[in-house]
Amino acid sequence: MTGTFPLSDETVKALAPCDLPSLRHDPFVRSVSSVSMQALPDDVQPVVRQLYDTLLAVFSRFDQTRHINYRELRQFLHEAGWHDLINVLRGISLSRHDPVLGQVIHDIRGGSLQALALQLQLLEYDQTQPVDVERIYLLTRDHLKIMRNCVPDLDPVRTARDIELRAHGVDLLLEKWQHADYRLPDGTAQVVVDARYNGVVADRCVEFSALDRVIYNLINNATRHSADHRVMVGIYPLFECSSQSLRFVVANRIDPLQRSAIEQRFGQHWSDLFRGGFTFSSNGSKGYGFGLAICAELVANAYGLPNGPAAIAGNYVGALPHGDLFVAWFHWPVAAP
């Protein structure tokens, strides 16, 4: 759908330079924000393994038309100890001493899992609508891929498939985000996408799942903080680039309290949010601010930049206020080699 984004095309174009060099020369076969299983703390490894195996079992219960037997799924989740598993995951501490490890644990606990856990809770209470079954399918599929992106040796066979050449188009984003009623335990929003590009965005599943990690982090953040329970996503091709890129823009309305908190910390330099370490909460809950820093690192990886701060300095990622909107953007090279 075009014409629905709240910023004019001229405003979107002025967010950042339109020719962003790509320094990547090697195939995208692994995300920089990833670790081996052995790098995870000893007490975390079995929890990650149990989560992955449980989600694999859930995914295998869908038929080719993406339908599933509600009763059998509820019974399986009960037998698998799903509630206890989610509680254990929530109790895992994010590492501030090892940023990469902290990023990995953040996305294993976050990504699409938080929305999935809520959908499965609704299923347990028999409050699931037909459209929610498709959402459960997509969220489960995405989190399995995100987990392999974070921990490649978690499933070597499927990870090998993830790095095979296979075109991934924008349609795979639209099927899960266009007019999605996105529900998290701490926020709900309708997501509306204005896509000006409908071609291939990634050559490999591993690259597409890295893009998914960026988008989930931004939409999760926007959903939690949207003042009107609405998140707008724009996808714009940058034809001026020597190597074609896409500009993704995520916008949500914020209230004066949120804006004041950001301005007190960052002044007019809202792009520094992508350095991490800052969270806003009106209810006193705490966080480490990993999400946006992960976005910067993954975008830097996609372009072959040395690190997240380089992506911020080069305007590959950024954020600014626009009226009552919080506007975040990032770029992604189309079908990076």
C-alpha atoms as a PDB file:
ATOM      1  CA  MET A   1       0.000   0.000   0.000  1.00  0.00           C
ATOM      2  CA  THR A   2       1.389   3.407  -0.943  1.00  0.00           C
ATOM      3  CA  GLY A   3       0.526   6.875   0.231  1.00  0.00           C
ATOM      4  CA  THR A   4      -0.154   5.932   3.859  1.00  0.00           C
ATOM      5  CA  PHE A   5       3.136   6.980   5.454  1.00  0.00           C
ATOM      6  CA  PRO A   6       2.815  10.117   7.652  1.00  0.00           C
ATOM      7  CA  LEU A   7       6.017  11.736   6.318  1.00  0.00           C
ATOM      8  CA  SER A   8       6.217  13.287   2.865  1.00  0.00           C
ATOM      9  CA  ASP A   9       8.537  11.730   0.302  1.00  0.00           C
ATOM     10  CA  GLU A  10      10.725  14.839   0.525  1.00  0.00           C
ATOM     11  CA  THR A  11      11.018  14.475   4.310  1.00  0.00           C
ATOM     12  CA  VAL A  12      11.913  10.802   4.009  1.00  0.00           C
ATOM     13  CA  LYS A  13      14.538  11.596   1.394  1.00  0.00           C
ATOM     14  CA  ALA A  14      16.077  14.278   3.625  1.00  0.00           C
ATOM     15  CA  LEU A  15      16.545  11.900   6.583  1.00  0.00           C
ATOM     16  CA  ALA A  16      19.981  10.768   5.383  1.00  0.00           C
ATOM     17  CA  PRO A  17      22.227  10.731   2.318  1.00  0.00           C
ATOM     18  CA  CYS A  18      20.828   8.644  -0.502  1.00  0.00           C
ATOM     19  CA  ASP A  19      24.136   7.142  -1.638  1.00  0.00           C
ATOM     20  CA  LEU A  20      25.495   5.038   1.203  1.00  0.00           C
ATOM     21  CA  PRO A  21      28.609   3.065   0.270  1.00  0.00           C
ATOM     22  CA  SER A  22      28.677  -0.676   0.846  1.00  0.00           C
ATOM     23  CA  LEU A  23      32.061  -1.977   1.983  1.00  0.00           C
ATOM     24  CA  ARG A  24      30.956  -5.599   2.154  1.00  0.00           C
ATOM     25  CA  HIS A  25      32.876  -7.878  -0.196  1.00  0.00           C
ATOM     26  CA  ASP A  26      32.156 -11.290   1.305  1.00  0.00           C
ATOM     27  CA  PRO A  27      28.868 -13.244   1.226  1.00  0.00           C
ATOM     28  CA  PHE A  28      26.533 -12.609   4.150  1.00  0.00           C
ATOM     29  CA  VAL A  29      26.778 -15.984   5.878  1.00  0.00           C
ATOM     30  CA  ARG A  30      26.795 -14.974   9.548  1.00  0.00           C
ATOM     31  CA  SER A  31      25.596 -12.024  11.605  1.00  0.00           C
ATOM     32  CA  VAL A  32      28.144 -10.185  13.691  1.00  0.00           C
ATOM     33  CA  SER A  33      25.737 -10.270  16.645  1.00  0.00           C
ATOM     34  CA  SER A  34      25.987 -14.034  17.083  1.00  0.00           C
ATOM     35  CA  VAL A  35      27.798 -16.530  19.300  1.00  0.00           C
ATOM     36  CA  SER A  36      28.368 -20.268  19.496  1.00  0.00           C
ATOM     37  CA  MET A  37      26.368 -22.394  21.906  1.00  0.00           C
ATOM     38  CA  GLN A  38      29.455 -22.876  24.055  1.00  0.00           C
ATOM     39  CA  ALA A  39      29.770 -19.109  24.490  1.00  0.00           C
ATOM     40  CA  LEU A  40      26.412 -18.998  26.262  1.00  0.00           C
ATOM     41  CA  PRO A  41      26.499 -19.378  30.050  1.00  0.00           C
ATOM     42  CA  ASP A  42      26.244 -23.000  31.164  1.00  0.00           C
ATOM     43  CA  ASP A  43      22.848 -22.479  32.748  1.00  0.00           C
ATOM     44  CA  VAL A  44      21.492 -20.711  29.655  1.00  0.00           C
ATOM     45  CA  GLN A  45      22.457 -23.355  27.087  1.00  0.00           C
ATOM     46  CA  PRO A  46      19.799 -25.947  28.055  1.00  0.00           C
ATOM     47  CA  VAL A  47      17.110 -23.238  28.197  1.00  0.00           C
ATOM     48  CA  VAL A  48      17.947 -22.050  24.689  1.00  0.00           C
ATOM     49  CA  ARG A  49      17.981 -25.639  23.454  1.00  0.00           C
ATOM     50  CA  GLN A  50      14.614 -26.360  25.063  1.00  0.00           C
ATOM     51  CA  LEU A  51      13.075 -23.222  23.564  1.00  0.00           C
ATOM     52  CA  TYR A  52      14.341 -24.049  20.086  1.00  0.00           C
ATOM     53  CA  ASP A  53      13.201 -27.663  20.228  1.00  0.00           C
ATOM     54  CA  THR A  54       9.795 -26.643  21.565  1.00  0.00           C
ATOM     55  CA  LEU A  55       9.288 -24.094  18.791  1.00  0.00           C
ATOM     56  CA  LEU A  56      10.386 -26.653  16.201  1.00  0.00           C
ATOM     57  CA  ALA A  57       7.745 -29.027  17.543  1.00  0.00           C
ATOM     58  CA  VAL A  58       5.095 -26.278  17.399  1.00  0.00           C
ATOM     59  CA  PHE A  59       6.069 -25.390  13.833  1.00  0.00           C
ATOM     60  CA  SER A  60       5.933 -29.039  12.731  1.00  0.00           C
ATOM     61  CA  ARG A  61       2.289 -29.225  13.813  1.00  0.00           C
ATOM     62  CA  PHE A  62       1.158 -26.807  11.123  1.00  0.00           C
ATOM     63  CA  ASP A  63      -0.015 -28.344   7.867  1.00  0.00           C
ATOM     64  CA  GLN A  64       0.794 -26.998   4.404  1.00  0.00           C
ATOM     65  CA  THR A  65      -2.115 -24.571   4.582  1.00  0.00           C
ATOM     66  CA  ARG A  66      -0.780 -23.159   7.877  1.00  0.00           C
ATOM     67  CA  HIS A  67      -3.597 -24.674   9.921  1.00  0.00           C
ATOM     68  CA  ILE A  68      -3.175 -26.396  13.265  1.00  0.00           C
ATOM     69  CA  ASN A  69      -5.296 -28.326  15.748  1.00  0.00           C
ATOM     70  CA  TYR A  70      -5.903 -25.961  18.665  1.00  0.00           C
ATOM     71  CA  ARG A  71      -6.595 -28.694  21.191  1.00  0.00           C
ATOM     72  CA  GLU A  72      -3.499 -30.710  20.314  1.00  0.00           C
ATOM     73  CA  LEU A  73      -1.320 -27.590  20.443  1.00  0.00           C
ATOM     74  CA  ARG A  74      -2.656 -26.624  23.882  1.00  0.00           C
ATOM     75  CA  GLN A  75      -1.995 -30.150  25.137  1.00  0.00           C
ATOM     76  CA  PHE A  76       1.528 -30.149  23.744  1.00  0.00           C
ATOM     77  CA  LEU A  77       2.377 -26.784  25.319  1.00  0.00           C
ATOM     78  CA  HIS A  78       1.121 -28.045  28.672  1.00  0.00           C
ATOM     79  CA  GLU A  79       3.199 -31.213  28.430  1.00  0.00           C
ATOM     80  CA  ALA A  80       6.271 -29.268  27.284  1.00  0.00           C
ATOM     81  CA  GLY A  81       6.116 -26.959  30.312  1.00  0.00           C
ATOM     82  CA  TRP A  82       5.757 -23.867  28.132  1.00  0.00           C
ATOM     83  CA  HIS A  83       4.837 -21.455  30.946  1.00  0.00           C
ATOM     84  CA  ASP A  84       7.772 -22.515  33.107  1.00  0.00           C
ATOM     85  CA  LEU A  85      10.104 -22.192  30.122  1.00  0.00           C
ATOM     86  CA  ILE A  86       8.965 -18.639  29.375  1.00  0.00           C
ATOM     87  CA  ASN A  87       9.376 -17.666  33.035  1.00  0.00           C
ATOM     88  CA  VAL A  88      12.921 -19.047  33.078  1.00  0.00           C
ATOM     89  CA  LEU A  89      13.737 -17.120  29.887  1.00  0.00           C
ATOM     90  CA  ARG A  90      12.466 -13.885  31.397  1.00  0.00           C
ATOM     91  CA  GLY A  91      14.747 -14.428  34.363  1.00  0.00           C
ATOM     92  CA  ILE A  92      17.933 -14.707  32.300  1.00  0.00           C
ATOM     93  CA  SER A  93      20.139 -11.669  32.813  1.00  0.00           C
ATOM     94  CA  LEU A  94      21.462  -9.732  29.848  1.00  0.00           C
ATOM     95  CA  SER A  95      25.245  -9.455  29.889  1.00  0.00           C
ATOM     96  CA  ARG A  96      26.508  -5.882  30.076  1.00  0.00           C
ATOM     97  CA  HIS A  97      30.123  -7.059  30.285  1.00  0.00           C
ATOM     98  CA  ASP A  98      30.001  -8.868  26.925  1.00  0.00           C
ATOM     99  CA  PRO A  99      27.929  -6.722  24.524  1.00  0.00           C
ATOM    100  CA  VAL A 100      27.631  -9.405  21.830  1.00  0.00           C
ATOM    101  CA  LEU A 101      26.432 -11.990  24.339  1.00  0.00           C
ATOM    102  CA  GLY A 102      23.963  -9.453  25.704  1.00  0.00           C
ATOM    103  CA  GLN A 103      22.655  -8.776  22.189  1.00  0.00           C
ATOM    104  CA  VAL A 104      22.194 -12.471  21.479  1.00  0.00           C
ATOM    105  CA  ILE A 105      20.319 -13.156  24.718  1.00  0.00           C
ATOM    106  CA  HIS A 106      18.219 -10.028  24.152  1.00  0.00           C
ATOM    107  CA  ASP A 107      17.024 -11.222  20.748  1.00  0.00           C
ATOM    108  CA  ILE A 108      16.492 -14.814  21.874  1.00  0.00           C
ATOM    109  CA  ARG A 109      14.239 -13.499  24.663  1.00  0.00           C
ATOM    110  CA  GLY A 110      12.777 -10.800  22.396  1.00  0.00           C
ATOM    111  CA  GLY A 111      12.533 -10.953  18.619  1.00  0.00           C
ATOM    112  CA  SER A 112       9.144 -12.408  17.762  1.00  0.00           C
ATOM    113  CA  LEU A 113       8.986 -14.509  20.959  1.00  0.00           C
ATOM    114  CA  GLN A 114       7.216 -11.962  23.152  1.00  0.00           C
ATOM    115  CA  ALA A 115       4.385 -11.566  20.665  1.00  0.00           C
ATOM    116  CA  LEU A 116       4.268 -15.337  20.175  1.00  0.00           C
ATOM    117  CA  ALA A 117       4.063 -16.005  23.921  1.00  0.00           C
ATOM    118  CA  LEU A 118       1.081 -13.665  24.171  1.00  0.00           C
ATOM    119  CA  GLN A 119      -0.631 -15.320  21.187  1.00  0.00           C
ATOM    120  CA  LEU A 120      -0.166 -18.731  22.776  1.00  0.00           C
ATOM    121  CA  GLN A 121      -1.563 -17.407  26.050  1.00  0.00           C
ATOM    122  CA  LEU A 122      -4.684 -16.260  24.190  1.00  0.00           C
ATOM    123  CA  LEU A 123      -4.876 -19.726  22.629  1.00  0.00           C
ATOM    124  CA  GLU A 124      -4.798 -21.290  26.085  1.00  0.00           C
ATOM    125  CA  TYR A 125      -7.705 -19.081  27.162  1.00  0.00           C
ATOM    126  CA  ASP A 126      -9.575 -19.991  23.972  1.00  0.00           C
ATOM    127  CA  GLN A 127      -9.526 -16.380  22.782  1.00  0.00           C
ATOM    128  CA  THR A 128      -7.796 -17.063  19.470  1.00  0.00           C
ATOM    129  CA  GLN A 129      -9.366 -15.808  16.246  1.00  0.00           C
ATOM    130  CA  PRO A 130      -8.717 -17.455  12.834  1.00  0.00           C
ATOM    131  CA  VAL A 131      -6.319 -14.647  11.860  1.00  0.00           C
ATOM    132  CA  ASP A 132      -4.266 -15.387  15.000  1.00  0.00           C
ATOM    133  CA  VAL A 133      -3.382 -18.874  13.746  1.00  0.00           C
ATOM    134  CA  GLU A 134      -1.526 -17.351  10.804  1.00  0.00           C
ATOM    135  CA  ARG A 135       0.198 -14.979  13.224  1.00  0.00           C
ATOM    136  CA  ILE A 136       1.338 -17.898  15.423  1.00  0.00           C
ATOM    137  CA  TYR A 137       2.736 -19.638  12.342  1.00  0.00           C
ATOM    138  CA  LEU A 138       4.694 -16.570  11.207  1.00  0.00           C
ATOM    139  CA  LEU A 139       5.989 -15.682  14.673  1.00  0.00           C
ATOM    140  CA  THR A 140       7.151 -19.256  15.295  1.00  0.00           C
ATOM    141  CA  ARG A 141       8.865 -19.455  11.910  1.00  0.00           C
ATOM    142  CA  ASP A 142      10.577 -16.110  12.421  1.00  0.00           C
ATOM    143  CA  HIS A 143      11.850 -16.853  15.900  1.00  0.00           C
ATOM    144  CA  LEU A 144      13.362 -20.160  14.849  1.00  0.00           C
ATOM    145  CA  LYS A 145      15.308 -18.294  12.171  1.00  0.00           C
ATOM    146  CA  ILE A 146      16.244 -15.498  14.570  1.00  0.00           C
ATOM    147  CA  MET A 147      17.574 -18.058  17.051  1.00  0.00           C
ATOM    148  CA  ARG A 148      19.732 -19.673  14.364  1.00  0.00           C
ATOM    149  CA  ASN A 149      20.912 -16.212  13.339  1.00  0.00           C
ATOM    150  CA  CYS A 150      21.947 -15.574  16.942  1.00  0.00           C
ATOM    151  CA  VAL A 151      23.439 -19.039  17.573  1.00  0.00           C
ATOM    152  CA  PRO A 152      24.420 -20.624  14.233  1.00  0.00           C
ATOM    153  CA  ASP A 153      25.529 -23.987  15.686  1.00  0.00           C
ATOM    154  CA  LEU A 154      22.202 -24.401  17.484  1.00  0.00           C
ATOM    155  CA  ASP A 155      20.978 -26.314  14.416  1.00  0.00           C
ATOM    156  CA  PRO A 156      23.853 -26.848  11.951  1.00  0.00           C
ATOM    157  CA  VAL A 157      21.708 -28.586   9.327  1.00  0.00           C
ATOM    158  CA  ARG A 158      19.118 -25.806   9.077  1.00  0.00           C
ATOM    159  CA  THR A 159      21.796 -23.126   9.423  1.00  0.00           C
ATOM    160  CA  ALA A 160      23.488 -24.621   6.348  1.00  0.00           C
ATOM    161  CA  ARG A 161      20.199 -24.190   4.486  1.00  0.00           C
ATOM    162  CA  ASP A 162      19.948 -20.617   5.754  1.00  0.00           C
ATOM    163  CA  ILE A 163      23.171 -19.683   3.961  1.00  0.00           C
ATOM    164  CA  GLU A 164      22.180 -21.226   0.631  1.00  0.00           C
ATOM    165  CA  LEU A 165      21.330 -18.814  -2.164  1.00  0.00           C
ATOM    166  CA  ARG A 166      17.587 -18.207  -2.138  1.00  0.00           C
ATOM    167  CA  ALA A 167      15.886 -14.937  -3.022  1.00  0.00           C
ATOM    168  CA  HIS A 168      13.822 -13.283  -0.275  1.00  0.00           C
ATOM    169  CA  GLY A 169      11.454 -10.518  -1.323  1.00  0.00           C
ATOM    170  CA  VAL A 170       9.663  -7.669   0.402  1.00  0.00           C
ATOM    171  CA  ASP A 171       6.481  -9.739   0.090  1.00  0.00           C
ATOM    172  CA  LEU A 172       7.775 -11.842   3.021  1.00  0.00           C
ATOM    173  CA  LEU A 173       7.722  -8.696   5.146  1.00  0.00           C
ATOM    174  CA  LEU A 174       4.317  -7.572   3.946  1.00  0.00           C
ATOM    175  CA  GLU A 175       2.658 -10.904   4.723  1.00  0.00           C
ATOM    176  CA  LYS A 176       3.376 -10.476   8.427  1.00  0.00           C
ATOM    177  CA  TRP A 177       3.342  -6.708   8.937  1.00  0.00           C
ATOM    178  CA  GLN A 178       0.794  -5.177   6.586  1.00  0.00           C
ATOM    179  CA  HIS A 179      -2.199  -4.179   8.736  1.00  0.00           C
ATOM    180  CA  ALA A 180      -1.009  -6.468  11.512  1.00  0.00           C
ATOM    181  CA  ASP A 181      -2.597  -6.154  14.928  1.00  0.00           C
ATOM    182  CA  TYR A 182       0.632  -6.607  16.824  1.00  0.00           C
ATOM    183  CA  ARG A 183       0.313  -7.501  20.494  1.00  0.00           C
ATOM    184  CA  LEU A 184       3.054  -7.600  23.094  1.00  0.00           C
ATOM    185  CA  PRO A 185       2.647  -8.204  26.839  1.00  0.00           C
ATOM    186  CA  ASP A 186       3.400  -4.492  27.405  1.00  0.00           C
ATOM    187  CA  GLY A 187       1.886  -2.848  24.336  1.00  0.00           C
ATOM    188  CA  THR A 188      -0.425  -3.218  21.360  1.00  0.00           C
ATOM    189  CA  ALA A 189      -0.421  -1.470  17.986  1.00  0.00           C
ATOM    190  CA  GLN A 190      -1.748  -1.722  14.493  1.00  0.00           C
ATOM    191  CA  VAL A 191       1.173  -1.863  12.061  1.00  0.00           C
ATOM    192  CA  VAL A 192       0.636  -0.271   8.641  1.00  0.00           C
ATOM    193  CA  VAL A 193       3.245  -0.605   5.893  1.00  0.00           C
ATOM    194  CA  ASP A 194       3.736   1.745   2.945  1.00  0.00           C
ATOM    195  CA  ALA A 195       6.022  -0.196   0.591  1.00  0.00           C
ATOM    196  CA  ARG A 196       7.404   1.561  -2.480  1.00  0.00           C
ATOM    197  CA  TYR A 197       9.490  -1.463  -3.475  1.00  0.00           C
ATOM    198  CA  ASN A 198       8.334  -5.001  -4.208  1.00  0.00           C
ATOM    199  CA  GLY A 199      11.488  -6.810  -5.283  1.00  0.00           C
ATOM    200  CA  VAL A 200      14.197  -8.965  -3.743  1.00  0.00           C
ATOM    201  CA  VAL A 201      15.823  -7.672  -0.574  1.00  0.00           C
ATOM    202  CA  ALA A 202      18.124 -10.539   0.455  1.00  0.00           C
ATOM    203  CA  ASP A 203      19.878 -13.421  -1.289  1.00  0.00           C
ATOM    204  CA  ARG A 204      20.041 -15.694   1.727  1.00  0.00           C
ATOM    205  CA  CYS A 205      17.826 -16.630   4.641  1.00  0.00           C
ATOM    206  CA  VAL A 206      20.606 -15.764   7.104  1.00  0.00           C
ATOM    207  CA  GLU A 207      20.664 -12.228   5.742  1.00  0.00           C
ATOM    208  CA  PHE A 208      16.881 -11.933   5.777  1.00  0.00           C
ATOM    209  CA  SER A 209      16.708 -13.135   9.388  1.00  0.00           C
ATOM    210  CA  ALA A 210      19.268 -10.467  10.329  1.00  0.00           C
ATOM    211  CA  LEU A 211      16.949  -7.929   8.683  1.00  0.00           C
ATOM    212  CA  ASP A 212      14.084  -9.467  10.659  1.00  0.00           C
ATOM    213  CA  ARG A 213      16.013  -8.900  13.890  1.00  0.00           C
ATOM    214  CA  VAL A 214      16.349  -5.201  13.056  1.00  0.00           C
ATOM    215  CA  ILE A 215      12.682  -4.819  12.139  1.00  0.00           C
ATOM    216  CA  TYR A 216      11.380  -6.732  15.163  1.00  0.00           C
ATOM    217  CA  ASN A 217      13.535  -4.646  17.507  1.00  0.00           C
ATOM    218  CA  LEU A 218      12.268  -1.400  15.983  1.00  0.00           C
ATOM    219  CA  ILE A 219       8.617  -2.441  15.814  1.00  0.00           C
ATOM    220  CA  ASN A 220       8.729  -3.905  19.330  1.00  0.00           C
ATOM    221  CA  ASN A 221      10.133  -0.578  20.553  1.00  0.00           C
ATOM    222  CA  ALA A 222       7.589   1.467  18.589  1.00  0.00           C
ATOM    223  CA  THR A 223       4.676  -0.698  19.743  1.00  0.00           C
ATOM    224  CA  ARG A 224       5.585  -0.286  23.412  1.00  0.00           C
ATOM    225  CA  HIS A 225       5.879   3.485  23.130  1.00  0.00           C
ATOM    226  CA  SER A 226       3.176   4.381  20.604  1.00  0.00           C
ATOM    227  CA  ALA A 227       0.878   6.989  22.100  1.00  0.00           C
ATOM    228  CA  ASP A 228      -1.993   6.062  19.770  1.00  0.00           C
ATOM    229  CA  HIS A 229      -1.373   2.304  19.395  1.00  0.00           C
ATOM    230  CA  ARG A 230      -0.306   2.691  15.793  1.00  0.00           C
ATOM    231  CA  VAL A 231       3.048   2.023  14.096  1.00  0.00           C
ATOM    232  CA  MET A 232       3.808   3.154  10.557  1.00  0.00           C
ATOM    233  CA  VAL A 233       6.512   1.531   8.430  1.00  0.00           C
ATOM    234  CA  GLY A 234       7.788   2.918   5.137  1.00  0.00           C
ATOM    235  CA  ILE A 235      10.008   0.996   2.698  1.00  0.00           C
ATOM    236  CA  TYR A 236      11.691   3.164   0.068  1.00  0.00           C
ATOM    237  CA  PRO A 237      14.193   2.178  -2.651  1.00  0.00           C
ATOM    238  CA  LEU A 238      17.247   4.388  -3.035  1.00  0.00           C
ATOM    239  CA  PHE A 239      18.028   4.294  -6.712  1.00  0.00           C
ATOM    240  CA  GLU A 240      20.784   6.893  -6.274  1.00  0.00           C
ATOM    241  CA  CYS A 241      22.985   4.366  -4.479  1.00  0.00           C
ATOM    242  CA  SER A 242      25.925   2.902  -6.350  1.00  0.00           C
ATOM    243  CA  SER A 243      24.805  -0.373  -4.789  1.00  0.00           C
ATOM    244  CA  GLN A 244      21.033  -0.230  -4.389  1.00  0.00           C
ATOM    245  CA  SER A 245      19.683   0.068  -0.883  1.00  0.00           C
ATOM    246  CA  LEU A 246      16.333   0.270   0.847  1.00  0.00           C
ATOM    247  CA  ARG A 247      15.444   2.898   3.433  1.00  0.00           C
ATOM    248  CA  PHE A 248      13.183   1.542   6.171  1.00  0.00           C
ATOM    249  CA  VAL A 249      11.427   4.161   8.288  1.00  0.00           C
ATOM    250  CA  VAL A 250       9.490   3.281  11.456  1.00  0.00           C
ATOM    251  CA  ALA A 251       7.346   5.987  13.041  1.00  0.00           C
ATOM    252  CA  ASN A 252       5.123   6.146  16.102  1.00  0.00           C
ATOM    253  CA  ARG A 253       3.502   8.958  18.032  1.00  0.00           C
ATOM    254  CA  ILE A 254       4.978   9.758  21.426  1.00  0.00           C
ATOM    255  CA  ASP A 255       3.578  11.732  24.323  1.00  0.00           C
ATOM    256  CA  PRO A 256       5.243  14.835  25.845  1.00  0.00           C
ATOM    257  CA  LEU A 257       6.699  12.818  28.728  1.00  0.00           C
ATOM    258  CA  GLN A 258       8.551  10.491  26.364  1.00  0.00           C
ATOM    259  CA  ARG A 259       9.812  13.364  24.255  1.00  0.00           C
ATOM    260  CA  SER A 260      11.039  15.230  27.315  1.00  0.00           C
ATOM    261  CA  ALA A 261      12.918  12.154  28.587  1.00  0.00           C
ATOM    262  CA  ILE A 262      14.689  11.705  25.230  1.00  0.00           C
ATOM    263  CA  GLU A 263      15.558  15.392  24.915  1.00  0.00           C
ATOM    264  CA  GLN A 264      16.951  15.525  28.448  1.00  0.00           C
ATOM    265  CA  ARG A 265      19.271  12.634  27.655  1.00  0.00           C
ATOM    266  CA  PHE A 266      20.188  13.299  24.010  1.00  0.00           C
ATOM    267  CA  GLY A 267      19.247  16.880  23.219  1.00  0.00           C
ATOM    268  CA  GLN A 268      18.729  17.040  19.462  1.00  0.00           C
ATOM    269  CA  HIS A 269      20.979  14.044  18.783  1.00  0.00           C
ATOM    270  CA  TRP A 270      18.310  11.348  18.849  1.00  0.00           C
ATOM    271  CA  SER A 271      20.375   9.044  16.614  1.00  0.00           C
ATOM    272  CA  ASP A 272      22.547   8.400  19.680  1.00  0.00           C
ATOM    273  CA  LEU A 273      19.693   6.179  20.893  1.00  0.00           C
ATOM    274  CA  PHE A 274      21.248   3.569  18.583  1.00  0.00           C
ATOM    275  CA  ARG A 275      24.307   3.472  20.841  1.00  0.00           C
ATOM    276  CA  GLY A 276      22.179   1.678  23.430  1.00  0.00           C
ATOM    277  CA  GLY A 277      22.035   2.047  27.175  1.00  0.00           C
ATOM    278  CA  PHE A 278      18.823   4.082  27.311  1.00  0.00           C
ATOM    279  CA  THR A 279      15.286   2.923  27.990  1.00  0.00           C
ATOM    280  CA  PHE A 280      12.141   4.870  28.703  1.00  0.00           C
ATOM    281  CA  SER A 281       9.384   3.577  30.927  1.00  0.00           C
ATOM    282  CA  SER A 282       6.510   5.463  32.494  1.00  0.00           C
ATOM    283  CA  ASN A 283       5.822   2.622  34.939  1.00  0.00           C
ATOM    284  CA  GLY A 284       9.280   2.320  36.468  1.00  0.00           C
ATOM    285  CA  SER A 285      10.315  -0.922  34.744  1.00  0.00           C
ATOM    286  CA  LYS A 286      13.996  -1.229  33.879  1.00  0.00           C
ATOM    287  CA  GLY A 287      15.891  -2.303  30.801  1.00  0.00           C
ATOM    288  CA  TYR A 288      19.353  -2.190  29.286  1.00  0.00           C
ATOM    289  CA  GLY A 289      18.550  -0.470  26.003  1.00  0.00           C
ATOM    290  CA  PHE A 290      20.058  -3.234  23.872  1.00  0.00           C
ATOM    291  CA  GLY A 291      17.468  -3.201  21.076  1.00  0.00           C
ATOM    292  CA  LEU A 292      18.505  -0.165  19.044  1.00  0.00           C
ATOM    293  CA  ALA A 293      22.219  -0.928  19.539  1.00  0.00           C
ATOM    294  CA  ILE A 294      21.596  -4.351  18.012  1.00  0.00           C
ATOM    295  CA  CYS A 295      19.975  -2.655  15.014  1.00  0.00           C
ATOM    296  CA  ALA A 296      23.060  -0.486  14.483  1.00  0.00           C
ATOM    297  CA  GLU A 297      25.424  -3.466  14.705  1.00  0.00           C
ATOM    298  CA  LEU A 298      23.402  -5.595  12.276  1.00  0.00           C
ATOM    299  CA  VAL A 299      23.111  -2.757   9.741  1.00  0.00           C
ATOM    300  CA  ALA A 300      26.842  -2.118  10.044  1.00  0.00           C
ATOM    301  CA  ASN A 301      27.435  -5.821   9.402  1.00  0.00           C
ATOM    302  CA  ALA A 302      25.221  -5.749   6.302  1.00  0.00           C
ATOM    303  CA  TYR A 303      27.252  -2.879   4.811  1.00  0.00           C
ATOM    304  CA  GLY A 304      30.669  -4.108   5.899  1.00  0.00           C
ATOM    305  CA  LEU A 305      31.178  -1.257   8.369  1.00  0.00           C
ATOM    306  CA  PRO A 306      33.369  -1.843  11.431  1.00  0.00           C
ATOM    307  CA  ASN A 307      30.666  -1.396  14.096  1.00  0.00           C
ATOM    308  CA  GLY A 308      27.403   0.203  15.140  1.00  0.00           C
ATOM    309  CA  PRO A 309      28.895   3.643  15.913  1.00  0.00           C
ATOM    310  CA  ALA A 310      30.177   3.764  12.314  1.00  0.00           C
ATOM    311  CA  ALA A 311      26.638   3.084  11.095  1.00  0.00           C
ATOM    312  CA  ILE A 312      25.356   5.948  13.263  1.00  0.00           C
ATOM    313  CA  ALA A 313      28.077   8.337  12.105  1.00  0.00           C
ATOM    314  CA  GLY A 314      27.361   7.496   8.457  1.00  0.00           C
ATOM    315  CA  ASN A 315      23.573   7.909   8.837  1.00  0.00           C
ATOM    316  CA  TYR A 316      22.975   4.267   7.952  1.00  0.00           C
ATOM    317  CA  VAL A 317      20.735   4.325  11.050  1.00  0.00           C
ATOM    318  CA  GLY A 318      19.221   7.258  12.846  1.00  0.00           C
ATOM    319  CA  ALA A 319      16.320   8.811  14.686  1.00  0.00           C
ATOM    320  CA  LEU A 320      14.719  12.228  15.063  1.00  0.00           C
ATOM    321  CA  PRO A 321      11.484  13.896  16.165  1.00  0.00           C
ATOM    322  CA  HIS A 322       8.988  15.038  13.547  1.00  0.00           C
ATOM    323  CA  GLY A 323       6.081  16.852  15.129  1.00  0.00           C
ATOM    324  CA  ASP A 324       4.674  14.377  17.639  1.00  0.00           C
ATOM    325  CA  LEU A 325       6.307  11.435  15.868  1.00  0.00           C
ATOM    326  CA  PHE A 326       9.366   9.455  16.883  1.00  0.00           C
ATOM    327  CA  VAL A 327      10.993   8.557  13.568  1.00  0.00           C
ATOM    328  CA  ALA A 328      13.687   5.892  13.294  1.00  0.00           C
ATOM    329  CA  TRP A 329      15.306   4.780  10.076  1.00  0.00           C
ATOM    330  CA  PHE A 330      17.823   2.253   8.853  1.00  0.00           C
ATOM    331  CA  HIS A 331      19.144   1.100   5.514  1.00  0.00           C
ATOM    332  CA  TRP A 332      19.628  -2.329   4.064  1.00  0.00           C
ATOM    333  CA  PRO A 333      21.565  -3.241   0.907  1.00  0.00           C
ATOM    334  CA  VAL A 334      19.416  -4.992  -1.671  1.00  0.00           C
ATOM    335  CA  ALA A 335      20.580  -8.566  -2.193  1.00  0.00           C
ATOM    336  CA  ALA A 336      24.016  -8.005  -0.629  1.00  0.00           C
ATOM    337  CA  PRO A 337      26.698 -10.354  -2.027  1.00  0.00           C
END
